[in-house]
Amino acid sequence: KTNAALQTRAVPKETPCSFDGDTKMQADTNRSAPNEPNLELWDIHTLTHLEANIDDATPELLAHAIDLLLKNGAIDAWVYPIVMKKGRPAHSLNCICRADASMDRGCSPATSDREQSAEISAESKLLGVLFRHTTTLGMRIHRNILRAALKRRFMEVQLPFRDDIREGKVDVKISSFKNGEVVSVKAEFDQCKIISEECGIPLKKVSSLAERLAWDEIDYMY
């Protein structure tokens, strides 16, 4: 099966993620200062980080809060254990979102009230989720957090396992520099899990084969 799989050609699927910007490296005639981020190889995003320490929430409530944050615009959400005053075990609940447009470029005098409301909705919406669905009484807001991010797109590969609802097709996330150099590939876990369960093949074999096919196609293209 492995030999047959390696002969299977990957089918490129150009479905970029929601990261804006050109896929080609933009020429920069000015050399960057030593302490400045390298804007040629990766994108720099400005984010907002929301954080709260909670000592009276159940694990179920925290898991539900993370799910709600991700569904309401958070780029990522996570929790980790901490110890608060009087030695109380607690958790730190965190999420990040894209910085509001008004924080990046300011509001134009001609901007309508409706447009300004839309600009601040990302942070406000997540704060509303946290206050409504957790026991926190206050949130720490860290603005203008910089994140370096690779370009991302998806490639669909065809596996030789067709006895499943996906017919052996798996999306592989391709991460690369802006000059086109591919840094890593990662098969979509949920899709590999479906094929693994329905075909009786170890999950690690399914994901490994999908990623190997993606690398073969990348090498063929470049």
C-alpha atoms as a PDB file:
ATOM      1  CA  LYS A   1       0.000   0.000   0.000  1.00  0.00           C
ATOM      2  CA  THR A   2       2.867   2.370   0.765  1.00  0.00           C
ATOM      3  CA  ASN A   3       4.372   2.044  -2.708  1.00  0.00           C
ATOM      4  CA  ALA A   4       0.986   2.642  -4.261  1.00  0.00           C
ATOM      5  CA  ALA A   5       0.481   5.664  -2.052  1.00  0.00           C
ATOM      6  CA  LEU A   6       3.778   7.214  -3.078  1.00  0.00           C
ATOM      7  CA  GLN A   7       2.775   6.936  -6.707  1.00  0.00           C
ATOM      8  CA  THR A   8      -0.440   8.793  -5.990  1.00  0.00           C
ATOM      9  CA  ARG A   9      -0.160  12.399  -7.066  1.00  0.00           C
ATOM     10  CA  ALA A  10      -1.274  15.249  -4.819  1.00  0.00           C
ATOM     11  CA  VAL A  11      -3.865  17.644  -6.173  1.00  0.00           C
ATOM     12  CA  PRO A  12      -3.050  21.285  -5.345  1.00  0.00           C
ATOM     13  CA  LYS A  13      -5.923  23.067  -3.707  1.00  0.00           C
ATOM     14  CA  GLU A  14      -5.470  26.813  -3.497  1.00  0.00           C
ATOM     15  CA  THR A  15      -7.578  27.727  -0.489  1.00  0.00           C
ATOM     16  CA  PRO A  16      -5.618  30.332   1.493  1.00  0.00           C
ATOM     17  CA  CYS A  17      -6.368  30.872   5.160  1.00  0.00           C
ATOM     18  CA  SER A  18      -7.599  34.249   6.343  1.00  0.00           C
ATOM     19  CA  PHE A  19      -4.134  35.794   6.436  1.00  0.00           C
ATOM     20  CA  ASP A  20      -3.864  38.800   4.169  1.00  0.00           C
ATOM     21  CA  GLY A  21      -0.863  39.709   2.079  1.00  0.00           C
ATOM     22  CA  ASP A  22       1.026  38.856  -1.094  1.00  0.00           C
ATOM     23  CA  THR A  23       2.402  35.359  -1.485  1.00  0.00           C
ATOM     24  CA  LYS A  24       5.418  36.731  -3.270  1.00  0.00           C
ATOM     25  CA  MET A  25       8.320  38.328  -1.446  1.00  0.00           C
ATOM     26  CA  GLN A  26       8.209  42.087  -1.803  1.00  0.00           C
ATOM     27  CA  ALA A  27      11.504  43.721  -2.657  1.00  0.00           C
ATOM     28  CA  ASP A  28      12.850  46.085  -0.071  1.00  0.00           C
ATOM     29  CA  THR A  29      15.627  48.365  -1.165  1.00  0.00           C
ATOM     30  CA  ASN A  30      16.288  49.556   2.381  1.00  0.00           C
ATOM     31  CA  ARG A  31      18.154  47.164   4.654  1.00  0.00           C
ATOM     32  CA  SER A  32      16.359  46.631   7.996  1.00  0.00           C
ATOM     33  CA  ALA A  33      17.937  47.778  11.232  1.00  0.00           C
ATOM     34  CA  PRO A  34      19.335  44.974  13.462  1.00  0.00           C
ATOM     35  CA  ASN A  35      16.481  45.183  15.977  1.00  0.00           C
ATOM     36  CA  GLU A  36      13.658  45.474  13.433  1.00  0.00           C
ATOM     37  CA  PRO A  37      11.559  42.414  12.482  1.00  0.00           C
ATOM     38  CA  ASN A  38      12.291  40.839   9.101  1.00  0.00           C
ATOM     39  CA  LEU A  39       9.252  41.909   7.108  1.00  0.00           C
ATOM     40  CA  GLU A  40      10.439  40.153   3.944  1.00  0.00           C
ATOM     41  CA  LEU A  41       9.981  36.542   5.051  1.00  0.00           C
ATOM     42  CA  TRP A  42       6.904  36.637   7.304  1.00  0.00           C
ATOM     43  CA  ASP A  43       3.911  38.803   8.117  1.00  0.00           C
ATOM     44  CA  ILE A  44       3.703  40.825  11.305  1.00  0.00           C
ATOM     45  CA  HIS A  45       0.214  40.931  12.863  1.00  0.00           C
ATOM     46  CA  THR A  46      -0.880  43.268  15.630  1.00  0.00           C
ATOM     47  CA  LEU A  47      -2.982  41.426  18.205  1.00  0.00           C
ATOM     48  CA  THR A  48      -4.831  42.018  21.462  1.00  0.00           C
ATOM     49  CA  HIS A  49      -4.369  39.612  24.382  1.00  0.00           C
ATOM     50  CA  LEU A  50      -7.136  39.202  26.982  1.00  0.00           C
ATOM     51  CA  GLU A  51      -6.310  37.485  30.288  1.00  0.00           C
ATOM     52  CA  ALA A  52      -8.100  36.643  33.532  1.00  0.00           C
ATOM     53  CA  ASN A  53      -7.208  34.668  36.663  1.00  0.00           C
ATOM     54  CA  ILE A  54     -10.124  32.496  37.843  1.00  0.00           C
ATOM     55  CA  ASP A  55     -10.211  30.468  41.064  1.00  0.00           C
ATOM     56  CA  ASP A  56     -13.891  29.467  41.237  1.00  0.00           C
ATOM     57  CA  ALA A  57     -14.686  27.860  37.887  1.00  0.00           C
ATOM     58  CA  THR A  58     -15.138  24.183  37.092  1.00  0.00           C
ATOM     59  CA  PRO A  59     -13.121  22.472  34.330  1.00  0.00           C
ATOM     60  CA  GLU A  60     -16.337  22.103  32.335  1.00  0.00           C
ATOM     61  CA  LEU A  61     -16.990  25.852  32.490  1.00  0.00           C
ATOM     62  CA  LEU A  62     -13.446  26.694  31.393  1.00  0.00           C
ATOM     63  CA  ALA A  63     -13.608  24.262  28.466  1.00  0.00           C
ATOM     64  CA  HIS A  64     -16.937  25.772  27.419  1.00  0.00           C
ATOM     65  CA  ALA A  65     -15.487  29.286  27.636  1.00  0.00           C
ATOM     66  CA  ILE A  66     -12.566  28.356  25.368  1.00  0.00           C
ATOM     67  CA  ASP A  67     -14.977  26.891  22.825  1.00  0.00           C
ATOM     68  CA  LEU A  68     -17.103  30.061  22.881  1.00  0.00           C
ATOM     69  CA  LEU A  69     -14.070  32.313  22.494  1.00  0.00           C
ATOM     70  CA  LEU A  70     -12.898  30.437  19.404  1.00  0.00           C
ATOM     71  CA  LYS A  71     -16.397  30.580  17.912  1.00  0.00           C
ATOM     72  CA  ASN A  72     -16.624  34.341  18.504  1.00  0.00           C
ATOM     73  CA  GLY A  73     -13.481  35.513  16.755  1.00  0.00           C
ATOM     74  CA  ALA A  74     -10.534  34.566  18.954  1.00  0.00           C
ATOM     75  CA  ILE A  75      -7.497  33.478  16.951  1.00  0.00           C
ATOM     76  CA  ASP A  76      -6.482  31.235  19.840  1.00  0.00           C
ATOM     77  CA  ALA A  77      -7.613  30.540  23.402  1.00  0.00           C
ATOM     78  CA  TRP A  78      -5.944  28.587  26.189  1.00  0.00           C
ATOM     79  CA  VAL A  79      -5.875  27.963  29.928  1.00  0.00           C
ATOM     80  CA  TYR A  80      -3.110  26.980  32.328  1.00  0.00           C
ATOM     81  CA  PRO A  81      -2.940  26.319  36.095  1.00  0.00           C
ATOM     82  CA  ILE A  82      -1.662  28.961  38.521  1.00  0.00           C
ATOM     83  CA  VAL A  83      -1.559  29.551  42.280  1.00  0.00           C
ATOM     84  CA  MET A  84      -3.231  32.699  43.593  1.00  0.00           C
ATOM     85  CA  LYS A  85      -3.248  34.436  46.979  1.00  0.00           C
ATOM     86  CA  LYS A  86      -3.659  32.277  50.064  1.00  0.00           C
ATOM     87  CA  GLY A  87      -2.287  29.356  48.076  1.00  0.00           C
ATOM     88  CA  ARG A  88      -5.493  28.840  46.121  1.00  0.00           C
ATOM     89  CA  PRO A  89      -5.238  26.664  42.981  1.00  0.00           C
ATOM     90  CA  ALA A  90      -6.631  28.606  40.023  1.00  0.00           C
ATOM     91  CA  HIS A  91      -6.474  28.970  36.262  1.00  0.00           C
ATOM     92  CA  SER A  92      -5.367  31.712  33.902  1.00  0.00           C
ATOM     93  CA  LEU A  93      -7.788  31.996  30.971  1.00  0.00           C
ATOM     94  CA  ASN A  94      -6.374  33.669  27.851  1.00  0.00           C
ATOM     95  CA  CYS A  95      -7.300  34.515  24.298  1.00  0.00           C
ATOM     96  CA  ILE A  96      -5.903  36.596  21.457  1.00  0.00           C
ATOM     97  CA  CYS A  97      -7.677  38.387  18.631  1.00  0.00           C
ATOM     98  CA  ARG A  98      -6.782  40.730  15.823  1.00  0.00           C
ATOM     99  CA  ALA A  99      -6.262  44.273  16.986  1.00  0.00           C
ATOM    100  CA  ASP A 100      -9.172  46.577  16.213  1.00  0.00           C
ATOM    101  CA  ALA A 101      -8.879  48.616  13.038  1.00  0.00           C
ATOM    102  CA  SER A 102      -9.131  51.850  15.043  1.00  0.00           C
ATOM    103  CA  MET A 103      -6.065  50.821  17.064  1.00  0.00           C
ATOM    104  CA  ASP A 104      -4.014  50.218  13.906  1.00  0.00           C
ATOM    105  CA  ARG A 105      -4.772  53.327  11.881  1.00  0.00           C
ATOM    106  CA  GLY A 106      -7.107  55.538  13.929  1.00  0.00           C
ATOM    107  CA  CYS A 107     -10.646  56.581  13.129  1.00  0.00           C
ATOM    108  CA  SER A 108     -11.144  59.008  10.318  1.00  0.00           C
ATOM    109  CA  PRO A 109     -13.290  62.085  11.126  1.00  0.00           C
ATOM    110  CA  ALA A 110     -15.599  60.902   8.338  1.00  0.00           C
ATOM    111  CA  THR A 111     -16.043  57.466   9.901  1.00  0.00           C
ATOM    112  CA  SER A 112     -19.665  56.810  10.810  1.00  0.00           C
ATOM    113  CA  ASP A 113     -20.799  55.632  14.241  1.00  0.00           C
ATOM    114  CA  ARG A 114     -21.769  52.297  12.694  1.00  0.00           C
ATOM    115  CA  GLU A 115     -18.286  51.849  11.171  1.00  0.00           C
ATOM    116  CA  GLN A 116     -16.574  52.765  14.445  1.00  0.00           C
ATOM    117  CA  SER A 117     -18.768  50.233  16.245  1.00  0.00           C
ATOM    118  CA  ALA A 118     -17.694  47.531  13.792  1.00  0.00           C
ATOM    119  CA  GLU A 119     -14.036  48.448  14.272  1.00  0.00           C
ATOM    120  CA  ILE A 120     -14.083  47.799  18.025  1.00  0.00           C
ATOM    121  CA  SER A 121     -16.328  44.735  17.896  1.00  0.00           C
ATOM    122  CA  ALA A 122     -13.586  42.070  18.015  1.00  0.00           C
ATOM    123  CA  GLU A 123     -12.256  42.951  21.449  1.00  0.00           C
ATOM    124  CA  SER A 124     -15.657  43.957  22.829  1.00  0.00           C
ATOM    125  CA  LYS A 125     -17.335  40.769  21.667  1.00  0.00           C
ATOM    126  CA  LEU A 126     -14.748  38.572  23.386  1.00  0.00           C
ATOM    127  CA  LEU A 127     -14.931  40.624  26.579  1.00  0.00           C
ATOM    128  CA  GLY A 128     -18.689  40.119  26.560  1.00  0.00           C
ATOM    129  CA  VAL A 129     -18.239  36.357  26.206  1.00  0.00           C
ATOM    130  CA  LEU A 130     -15.774  36.254  29.102  1.00  0.00           C
ATOM    131  CA  PHE A 131     -17.915  38.319  31.455  1.00  0.00           C
ATOM    132  CA  ARG A 132     -21.135  36.469  30.593  1.00  0.00           C
ATOM    133  CA  HIS A 133     -19.814  32.912  30.575  1.00  0.00           C
ATOM    134  CA  THR A 134     -17.112  32.877  33.254  1.00  0.00           C
ATOM    135  CA  THR A 135     -16.918  33.986  36.881  1.00  0.00           C
ATOM    136  CA  THR A 136     -14.254  36.638  36.304  1.00  0.00           C
ATOM    137  CA  LEU A 137     -14.873  40.173  37.565  1.00  0.00           C
ATOM    138  CA  GLY A 138     -12.110  41.799  35.539  1.00  0.00           C
ATOM    139  CA  MET A 139      -9.898  41.243  32.499  1.00  0.00           C
ATOM    140  CA  ARG A 140      -6.366  42.344  31.727  1.00  0.00           C
ATOM    141  CA  ILE A 141      -6.074  43.778  28.208  1.00  0.00           C
ATOM    142  CA  HIS A 142      -2.668  43.725  26.515  1.00  0.00           C
ATOM    143  CA  ARG A 143      -2.801  45.656  23.257  1.00  0.00           C
ATOM    144  CA  ASN A 144      -0.337  45.961  20.368  1.00  0.00           C
ATOM    145  CA  ILE A 145       1.090  42.468  20.786  1.00  0.00           C
ATOM    146  CA  LEU A 146       3.180  41.618  17.723  1.00  0.00           C
ATOM    147  CA  ARG A 147       3.104  38.149  16.162  1.00  0.00           C
ATOM    148  CA  ALA A 148       5.277  36.893  13.321  1.00  0.00           C
ATOM    149  CA  ALA A 149       3.248  34.580  11.067  1.00  0.00           C
ATOM    150  CA  LEU A 150       4.071  32.385   8.089  1.00  0.00           C
ATOM    151  CA  LYS A 151       1.998  32.349   4.912  1.00  0.00           C
ATOM    152  CA  ARG A 152      -0.514  29.484   4.924  1.00  0.00           C
ATOM    153  CA  ARG A 153      -2.480  27.640   2.266  1.00  0.00           C
ATOM    154  CA  PHE A 154      -4.034  24.214   1.815  1.00  0.00           C
ATOM    155  CA  MET A 155      -3.200  21.407  -0.591  1.00  0.00           C
ATOM    156  CA  GLU A 156      -5.508  18.435  -1.084  1.00  0.00           C
ATOM    157  CA  VAL A 157      -3.833  15.024  -1.402  1.00  0.00           C
ATOM    158  CA  GLN A 158      -5.397  11.732  -2.464  1.00  0.00           C
ATOM    159  CA  LEU A 159      -4.651   8.695  -0.306  1.00  0.00           C
ATOM    160  CA  PRO A 160      -5.159   5.112  -1.550  1.00  0.00           C
ATOM    161  CA  PHE A 161      -7.730   4.488   1.202  1.00  0.00           C
ATOM    162  CA  ARG A 162     -11.171   5.113  -0.325  1.00  0.00           C
ATOM    163  CA  ASP A 163     -13.468   3.178   2.014  1.00  0.00           C
ATOM    164  CA  ASP A 164     -14.548   6.283   3.945  1.00  0.00           C
ATOM    165  CA  ILE A 165     -16.833   9.267   3.505  1.00  0.00           C
ATOM    166  CA  ARG A 166     -13.870  11.445   2.447  1.00  0.00           C
ATOM    167  CA  GLU A 167     -12.828   8.938  -0.238  1.00  0.00           C
ATOM    168  CA  GLY A 168      -9.233   9.179   0.930  1.00  0.00           C
ATOM    169  CA  LYS A 169      -8.907  12.944   0.435  1.00  0.00           C
ATOM    170  CA  VAL A 170      -7.023  14.975   3.056  1.00  0.00           C
ATOM    171  CA  ASP A 171      -6.230  18.690   3.246  1.00  0.00           C
ATOM    172  CA  VAL A 172      -2.640  19.477   4.210  1.00  0.00           C
ATOM    173  CA  LYS A 173      -1.704  22.908   5.565  1.00  0.00           C
ATOM    174  CA  ILE A 174       1.384  24.323   3.848  1.00  0.00           C
ATOM    175  CA  SER A 175       3.356  26.940   5.815  1.00  0.00           C
ATOM    176  CA  SER A 176       5.955  28.998   3.985  1.00  0.00           C
ATOM    177  CA  PHE A 177       8.012  32.159   3.948  1.00  0.00           C
ATOM    178  CA  LYS A 178       6.820  34.996   1.739  1.00  0.00           C
ATOM    179  CA  ASN A 179       9.529  34.119  -0.792  1.00  0.00           C
ATOM    180  CA  GLY A 180       7.859  30.728  -1.357  1.00  0.00           C
ATOM    181  CA  GLU A 181      10.189  28.538   0.721  1.00  0.00           C
ATOM    182  CA  VAL A 182       8.066  25.864   2.411  1.00  0.00           C
ATOM    183  CA  VAL A 183       8.874  25.490   6.106  1.00  0.00           C
ATOM    184  CA  SER A 184       6.413  22.815   7.240  1.00  0.00           C
ATOM    185  CA  VAL A 185       3.382  20.747   6.253  1.00  0.00           C
ATOM    186  CA  LYS A 186       0.625  19.462   8.530  1.00  0.00           C
ATOM    187  CA  ALA A 187      -2.264  17.151   7.632  1.00  0.00           C
ATOM    188  CA  GLU A 188      -5.678  18.121   9.006  1.00  0.00           C
ATOM    189  CA  PHE A 189      -6.175  15.980  12.111  1.00  0.00           C
ATOM    190  CA  ASP A 190      -9.964  15.607  11.962  1.00  0.00           C
ATOM    191  CA  GLN A 191      -9.872  14.405   8.351  1.00  0.00           C
ATOM    192  CA  CYS A 192      -7.103  11.896   9.072  1.00  0.00           C
ATOM    193  CA  LYS A 193      -9.068  10.674  12.093  1.00  0.00           C
ATOM    194  CA  ILE A 194     -12.124   9.902   9.936  1.00  0.00           C
ATOM    195  CA  ILE A 195     -10.050   7.859   7.498  1.00  0.00           C
ATOM    196  CA  SER A 196      -8.264   6.086  10.362  1.00  0.00           C
ATOM    197  CA  GLU A 197     -11.480   5.090  12.106  1.00  0.00           C
ATOM    198  CA  GLU A 198     -13.415   4.041   9.011  1.00  0.00           C
ATOM    199  CA  CYS A 199     -10.569   2.187   7.277  1.00  0.00           C
ATOM    200  CA  GLY A 200      -8.957   0.663  10.363  1.00  0.00           C
ATOM    201  CA  ILE A 201      -5.562   2.264   9.647  1.00  0.00           C
ATOM    202  CA  PRO A 202      -3.403   3.800  12.401  1.00  0.00           C
ATOM    203  CA  LEU A 203      -3.889   7.551  12.594  1.00  0.00           C
ATOM    204  CA  LYS A 204      -0.140   8.232  12.567  1.00  0.00           C
ATOM    205  CA  LYS A 205       0.185   6.285   9.297  1.00  0.00           C
ATOM    206  CA  VAL A 206      -2.619   8.251   7.636  1.00  0.00           C
ATOM    207  CA  SER A 207      -1.249  11.666   8.637  1.00  0.00           C
ATOM    208  CA  SER A 208       2.346  10.692   7.831  1.00  0.00           C
ATOM    209  CA  LEU A 209       1.391   9.489   4.366  1.00  0.00           C
ATOM    210  CA  ALA A 210      -0.655  12.617   3.641  1.00  0.00           C
ATOM    211  CA  GLU A 211       2.233  14.867   4.635  1.00  0.00           C
ATOM    212  CA  ARG A 212       4.700  12.779   2.619  1.00  0.00           C
ATOM    213  CA  LEU A 213       2.529  13.144  -0.487  1.00  0.00           C
ATOM    214  CA  ALA A 214       2.368  16.893   0.071  1.00  0.00           C
ATOM    215  CA  TRP A 215       6.168  17.119   0.298  1.00  0.00           C
ATOM    216  CA  ASP A 216       6.459  15.060  -2.914  1.00  0.00           C
ATOM    217  CA  GLU A 217       4.149  17.474  -4.718  1.00  0.00           C
ATOM    218  CA  ILE A 218       6.012  20.502  -3.352  1.00  0.00           C
ATOM    219  CA  ASP A 219       9.337  19.068  -4.532  1.00  0.00           C
ATOM    220  CA  TYR A 220       7.744  18.391  -7.952  1.00  0.00           C
ATOM    221  CA  MET A 221       6.408  21.940  -8.230  1.00  0.00           C
ATOM    222  CA  TYR A 222       9.640  23.662  -7.194  1.00  0.00           C
END
